[in-house]
PDB file of N, CA and C in Angstrom:
ATOM      1  N   MET A   1       6.858 -85.405  23.882  1.00  0.00           N
ATOM      2  CA  MET A   1       6.030 -86.461  24.443  1.00  0.00           C
ATOM      3  C   MET A   1       5.620 -86.077  25.860  1.00  0.00           C
ATOM      4  N   SER A   2       6.522 -85.940  26.794  1.00  0.00           N
ATOM      5  CA  SER A   2       6.268 -85.533  28.170  1.00  0.00           C
ATOM      6  C   SER A   2       4.983 -86.135  28.752  1.00  0.00           C
ATOM      7  N   ALA A   3       5.079 -87.375  29.171  1.00  0.00           N
ATOM      8  CA  ALA A   3       3.936 -88.105  29.715  1.00  0.00           C
ATOM      9  C   ALA A   3       4.314 -88.671  31.075  1.00  0.00           C
ATOM     10  N   THR A   4       3.335 -89.256  31.751  1.00  0.00           N
ATOM     11  CA  THR A   4       3.624 -89.999  32.973  1.00  0.00           C
ATOM     12  C   THR A   4       3.166 -91.436  32.760  1.00  0.00           C
ATOM     13  N   VAL A   5       3.930 -92.349  33.317  1.00  0.00           N
ATOM     14  CA  VAL A   5       3.675 -93.781  33.182  1.00  0.00           C
ATOM     15  C   VAL A   5       3.739 -94.391  34.575  1.00  0.00           C
ATOM     16  N   PRO A   6       2.898 -95.371  34.875  1.00  0.00           N
ATOM     17  CA  PRO A   6       2.954 -95.979  36.209  1.00  0.00           C
ATOM     18  C   PRO A   6       4.238 -96.788  36.421  1.00  0.00           C
ATOM     19  N   CYS A   7       4.789 -96.669  37.605  1.00  0.00           N
ATOM     20  CA  CYS A   7       5.965 -97.458  37.987  1.00  0.00           C
ATOM     21  C   CYS A   7       5.548 -98.925  38.071  1.00  0.00           C
ATOM     22  N   PRO A   8       6.309 -99.843  37.455  1.00  0.00           N
ATOM     23  CA  PRO A   8       5.950-101.253  37.531  1.00  0.00           C
ATOM     24  C   PRO A   8       6.107-101.846  38.939  1.00  0.00           C
ATOM     25  N   ALA A   9       6.850-101.172  39.811  1.00  0.00           N
ATOM     26  CA  ALA A   9       7.071-101.691  41.158  1.00  0.00           C
ATOM     27  C   ALA A   9       6.029-101.197  42.158  1.00  0.00           C
ATOM     28  N   CYS A  10       5.657 -99.898  42.072  1.00  0.00           N
ATOM     29  CA  CYS A  10       4.760 -99.355  43.098  1.00  0.00           C
ATOM     30  C   CYS A  10       3.534 -98.645  42.528  1.00  0.00           C
ATOM     31  N   ASP A  11       3.438 -98.532  41.225  1.00  0.00           N
ATOM     32  CA  ASP A  11       2.301 -97.926  40.528  1.00  0.00           C
ATOM     33  C   ASP A  11       2.232 -96.402  40.657  1.00  0.00           C
ATOM     34  N   ALA A  12       3.277 -95.764  41.170  1.00  0.00           N
ATOM     35  CA  ALA A  12       3.319 -94.297  41.235  1.00  0.00           C
ATOM     36  C   ALA A  12       3.540 -93.737  39.829  1.00  0.00           C
ATOM     37  N   ALA A  13       3.119 -92.512  39.601  1.00  0.00           N
ATOM     38  CA  ALA A  13       3.296 -91.871  38.298  1.00  0.00           C
ATOM     39  C   ALA A  13       4.753 -91.437  38.130  1.00  0.00           C
ATOM     40  N   VAL A  14       5.382 -91.908  37.052  1.00  0.00           N
ATOM     41  CA  VAL A  14       6.773 -91.560  36.745  1.00  0.00           C
ATOM     42  C   VAL A  14       6.770 -90.685  35.494  1.00  0.00           C
ATOM     43  N   PRO A  15       7.311 -89.465  35.581  1.00  0.00           N
ATOM     44  CA  PRO A  15       7.334 -88.601  34.403  1.00  0.00           C
ATOM     45  C   PRO A  15       8.371 -89.089  33.389  1.00  0.00           C
ATOM     46  N   ILE A  16       7.968 -89.102  32.120  1.00  0.00           N
ATOM     47  CA  ILE A  16       8.864 -89.467  31.027  1.00  0.00           C
ATOM     48  C   ILE A  16       9.276 -88.165  30.339  1.00  0.00           C
ATOM     49  N   PRO A  17      10.578 -87.852  30.277  1.00  0.00           N
ATOM     50  CA  PRO A  17      11.003 -86.608  29.636  1.00  0.00           C
ATOM     51  C   PRO A  17      10.631 -86.568  28.153  1.00  0.00           C
ATOM     52  N   ALA A  18      10.427 -85.380  27.630  1.00  0.00           N
ATOM     53  CA  ALA A  18      10.051 -85.211  26.225  1.00  0.00           C
ATOM     54  C   ALA A  18      11.126 -85.734  25.285  1.00  0.00           C
ATOM     55  N   ASP A  19      12.393 -85.674  25.695  1.00  0.00           N
ATOM     56  CA  ASP A  19      13.492 -86.124  24.837  1.00  0.00           C
ATOM     57  C   ASP A  19      13.977 -87.534  25.198  1.00  0.00           C
ATOM     58  N   ALA A  20      13.128 -88.326  25.831  1.00  0.00           N
ATOM     59  CA  ALA A  20      13.498 -89.677  26.276  1.00  0.00           C
ATOM     60  C   ALA A  20      13.815 -90.594  25.103  1.00  0.00           C
ATOM     61  N   VAL A  21      14.675 -91.575  25.364  1.00  0.00           N
ATOM     62  CA  VAL A  21      15.026 -92.590  24.367  1.00  0.00           C
ATOM     63  C   VAL A  21      14.853 -93.970  24.992  1.00  0.00           C
ATOM     64  N   VAL A  22      14.637 -94.972  24.160  1.00  0.00           N
ATOM     65  CA  VAL A  22      14.509 -96.351  24.639  1.00  0.00           C
ATOM     66  C   VAL A  22      15.803 -96.747  25.345  1.00  0.00           C
ATOM     67  N   ALA A  23      15.684 -97.461  26.439  1.00  0.00           N
ATOM     68  CA  ALA A  23      16.783 -97.952  27.282  1.00  0.00           C
ATOM     69  C   ALA A  23      17.330 -96.884  28.227  1.00  0.00           C
ATOM     70  N   GLU A  24      16.753 -95.689  28.213  1.00  0.00           N
ATOM     71  CA  GLU A  24      17.161 -94.646  29.161  1.00  0.00           C
ATOM     72  C   GLU A  24      16.745 -95.071  30.561  1.00  0.00           C
ATOM     73  N   LEU A  25      17.589 -94.777  31.534  1.00  0.00           N
ATOM     74  CA  LEU A  25      17.307 -95.150  32.916  1.00  0.00           C
ATOM     75  C   LEU A  25      16.708 -93.974  33.669  1.00  0.00           C
ATOM     76  N   LEU A  26      15.668 -94.267  34.441  1.00  0.00           N
ATOM     77  CA  LEU A  26      14.995 -93.294  35.293  1.00  0.00           C
ATOM     78  C   LEU A  26      14.880 -93.895  36.685  1.00  0.00           C
ATOM     79  N   ARG A  27      14.497 -93.087  37.654  1.00  0.00           N
ATOM     80  CA  ARG A  27      14.299 -93.589  39.005  1.00  0.00           C
ATOM     81  C   ARG A  27      12.923 -93.138  39.494  1.00  0.00           C
ATOM     82  N   CYS A  28      12.188 -94.063  40.076  1.00  0.00           N
ATOM     83  CA  CYS A  28      10.879 -93.733  40.631  1.00  0.00           C
ATOM     84  C   CYS A  28      11.087 -92.892  41.890  1.00  0.00           C
ATOM     85  N   ARG A  29      10.380 -91.769  41.974  1.00  0.00           N
ATOM     86  CA  ARG A  29      10.505 -90.877  43.139  1.00  0.00           C
ATOM     87  C   ARG A  29       9.885 -91.473  44.394  1.00  0.00           C
ATOM     88  N   GLU A  30       8.923 -92.369  44.231  1.00  0.00           N
ATOM     89  CA  GLU A  30       8.227 -92.948  45.382  1.00  0.00           C
ATOM     90  C   GLU A  30       8.984 -94.117  46.010  1.00  0.00           C
ATOM     91  N   CYS A  31       9.366 -95.106  45.186  1.00  0.00           N
ATOM     92  CA  CYS A  31       9.989 -96.325  45.735  1.00  0.00           C
ATOM     93  C   CYS A  31      11.492 -96.426  45.445  1.00  0.00           C
ATOM     94  N   ASN A  32      12.024 -95.465  44.683  1.00  0.00           N
ATOM     95  CA  ASN A  32      13.451 -95.395  44.368  1.00  0.00           C
ATOM     96  C   ASN A  32      13.945 -96.549  43.494  1.00  0.00           C
ATOM     97  N   THR A  33      13.033 -97.240  42.806  1.00  0.00           N
ATOM     98  CA  THR A  33      13.417 -98.328  41.908  1.00  0.00           C
ATOM     99  C   THR A  33      14.006 -97.744  40.633  1.00  0.00           C
ATOM    100  N   GLU A  34      15.108 -98.329  40.158  1.00  0.00           N
ATOM    101  CA  GLU A  34      15.688 -97.905  38.889  1.00  0.00           C
ATOM    102  C   GLU A  34      14.876 -98.526  37.759  1.00  0.00           C
ATOM    103  N   LEU A  35      14.441 -97.686  36.827  1.00  0.00           N
ATOM    104  CA  LEU A  35      13.568 -98.114  35.743  1.00  0.00           C
ATOM    105  C   LEU A  35      14.214 -97.845  34.398  1.00  0.00           C
ATOM    106  N   GLU A  36      13.828 -98.640  33.427  1.00  0.00           N
ATOM    107  CA  GLU A  36      14.331 -98.492  32.069  1.00  0.00           C
ATOM    108  C   GLU A  36      13.141 -98.239  31.146  1.00  0.00           C
ATOM    109  N   ILE A  37      13.283 -97.298  30.225  1.00  0.00           N
ATOM    110  CA  ILE A  37      12.233 -97.046  29.246  1.00  0.00           C
ATOM    111  C   ILE A  37      12.255 -98.202  28.250  1.00  0.00           C
ATOM    112  N   ALA A  38      11.168 -98.966  28.209  1.00  0.00           N
ATOM    113  CA  ALA A  38      11.087-100.145  27.341  1.00  0.00           C
ATOM    114  C   ALA A  38      10.628 -99.771  25.936  1.00  0.00           C
ATOM    115  N   THR A  39       9.600 -98.926  25.852  1.00  0.00           N
ATOM    116  CA  THR A  39       9.088 -98.463  24.558  1.00  0.00           C
ATOM    117  C   THR A  39       8.664 -97.004  24.699  1.00  0.00           C
ATOM    118  N   LEU A  40       8.583 -96.320  23.564  1.00  0.00           N
ATOM    119  CA  LEU A  40       8.172 -94.921  23.576  1.00  0.00           C
ATOM    120  C   LEU A  40       6.769 -94.702  23.028  1.00  0.00           C
ATOM    121  N   ASP A  41       6.275 -95.619  22.204  1.00  0.00           N
ATOM    122  CA  ASP A  41       4.961 -95.425  21.595  1.00  0.00           C
ATOM    123  C   ASP A  41       4.143 -96.696  21.689  1.00  0.00           C
ATOM    124  N   PRO A  42       3.407 -96.910  22.744  1.00  0.00           N
ATOM    125  CA  PRO A  42       3.195 -96.028  23.886  1.00  0.00           C
ATOM    126  C   PRO A  42       4.351 -96.144  24.877  1.00  0.00           C
ATOM    127  N   PRO A  43       4.554 -95.130  25.709  1.00  0.00           N
ATOM    128  CA  PRO A  43       5.642 -95.201  26.681  1.00  0.00           C
ATOM    129  C   PRO A  43       5.371 -96.263  27.746  1.00  0.00           C
ATOM    130  N   THR A  44       6.343 -97.146  27.943  1.00  0.00           N
ATOM    131  CA  THR A  44       6.241 -98.168  28.990  1.00  0.00           C
ATOM    132  C   THR A  44       7.578 -98.256  29.725  1.00  0.00           C
ATOM    133  N   LEU A  45       7.496 -98.654  30.978  1.00  0.00           N
ATOM    134  CA  LEU A  45       8.682 -98.799  31.814  1.00  0.00           C
ATOM    135  C   LEU A  45       8.812-100.231  32.293  1.00  0.00           C
ATOM    136  N   ALA A  46      10.049-100.635  32.539  1.00  0.00           N
ATOM    137  CA  ALA A  46      10.342-101.939  33.127  1.00  0.00           C
ATOM    138  C   ALA A  46      11.410-101.715  34.190  1.00  0.00           C
ATOM    139  N   GLU A  47      11.464-102.600  35.163  1.00  0.00           N
ATOM    140  CA  GLU A  47      12.539-102.493  36.150  1.00  0.00           C
ATOM    141  C   GLU A  47      13.860-102.728  35.436  1.00  0.00           C
ATOM    142  N   ALA A  48      14.832-101.867  35.705  1.00  0.00           N
ATOM    143  CA  ALA A  48      16.135-101.982  35.057  1.00  0.00           C
ATOM    144  C   ALA A  48      16.827-103.258  35.529  1.00  0.00           C
ATOM    145  N   PRO A  49      17.530-103.923  34.610  1.00  0.00           N
ATOM    146  CA  PRO A  49      18.259-105.124  35.028  1.00  0.00           C
ATOM    147  C   PRO A  49      19.367-104.746  36.013  1.00  0.00           C
ATOM    148  N   THR A  50      19.613-105.620  36.963  1.00  0.00           N
ATOM    149  CA  THR A  50      20.683-105.361  37.925  1.00  0.00           C
ATOM    150  C   THR A  50      22.018-105.674  37.274  1.00  0.00           C
ATOM    151  N   GLU A  51      22.973-104.831  37.569  1.00  0.00           N
ATOM    152  CA  GLU A  51      24.308-105.000  37.016  1.00  0.00           C
ATOM    153  C   GLU A  51      25.018-106.077  37.825  1.00  0.00           C
ATOM    154  N   GLU A  52      25.581-107.050  37.129  1.00  0.00           N
ATOM    155  CA  GLU A  52      26.304-108.114  37.816  1.00  0.00           C
ATOM    156  C   GLU A  52      27.802-107.926  37.630  1.00  0.00           C
ATOM    157  N   GLU A  53      28.557-108.299  38.625  1.00  0.00           N
ATOM    158  CA  GLU A  53      30.007-108.216  38.583  1.00  0.00           C
ATOM    159  C   GLU A  53      30.537-109.253  37.621  1.00  0.00           C
ATOM    160  N   ASP A  54      31.465-108.855  36.747  1.00  0.00           N
ATOM    161  CA  ASP A  54      32.016-109.825  35.777  1.00  0.00           C
ATOM    162  C   ASP A  54      33.339-110.441  36.238  1.00  0.00           C
ATOM    163  N   TRP A  55      33.897-109.935  37.325  1.00  0.00           N
ATOM    164  CA  TRP A  55      35.128-110.461  37.902  1.00  0.00           C
ATOM    165  C   TRP A  55      36.262-110.597  36.886  1.00  0.00           C
ATOM    166  N   GLY A  56      36.298-109.684  35.905  1.00  0.00           N
ATOM    167  CA  GLY A  56      37.398-109.653  34.947  1.00  0.00           C
ATOM    168  C   GLY A  56      37.342-110.715  33.875  1.00  0.00           C
ATOM    169  N   GLN A  57      36.220-111.383  33.725  1.00  0.00           N
ATOM    170  CA  GLN A  57      36.110-112.468  32.743  1.00  0.00           C
ATOM    171  C   GLN A  57      35.717-111.930  31.400  1.00  0.00           C
TER     172      GLN A  57
END
């Protein structure tokens, strides 16, 4: 596949690796936002959900 997709946060081109899988995490080189691959056909990105502390629950 090896494509580029716009970052949802800053619109910079983010390269998608040829062996990418859905839910894989990437980082935008321009704004440093953590991104998640939402779909592969066509490739789309979404901002990765923030990890919340579970406090042992």
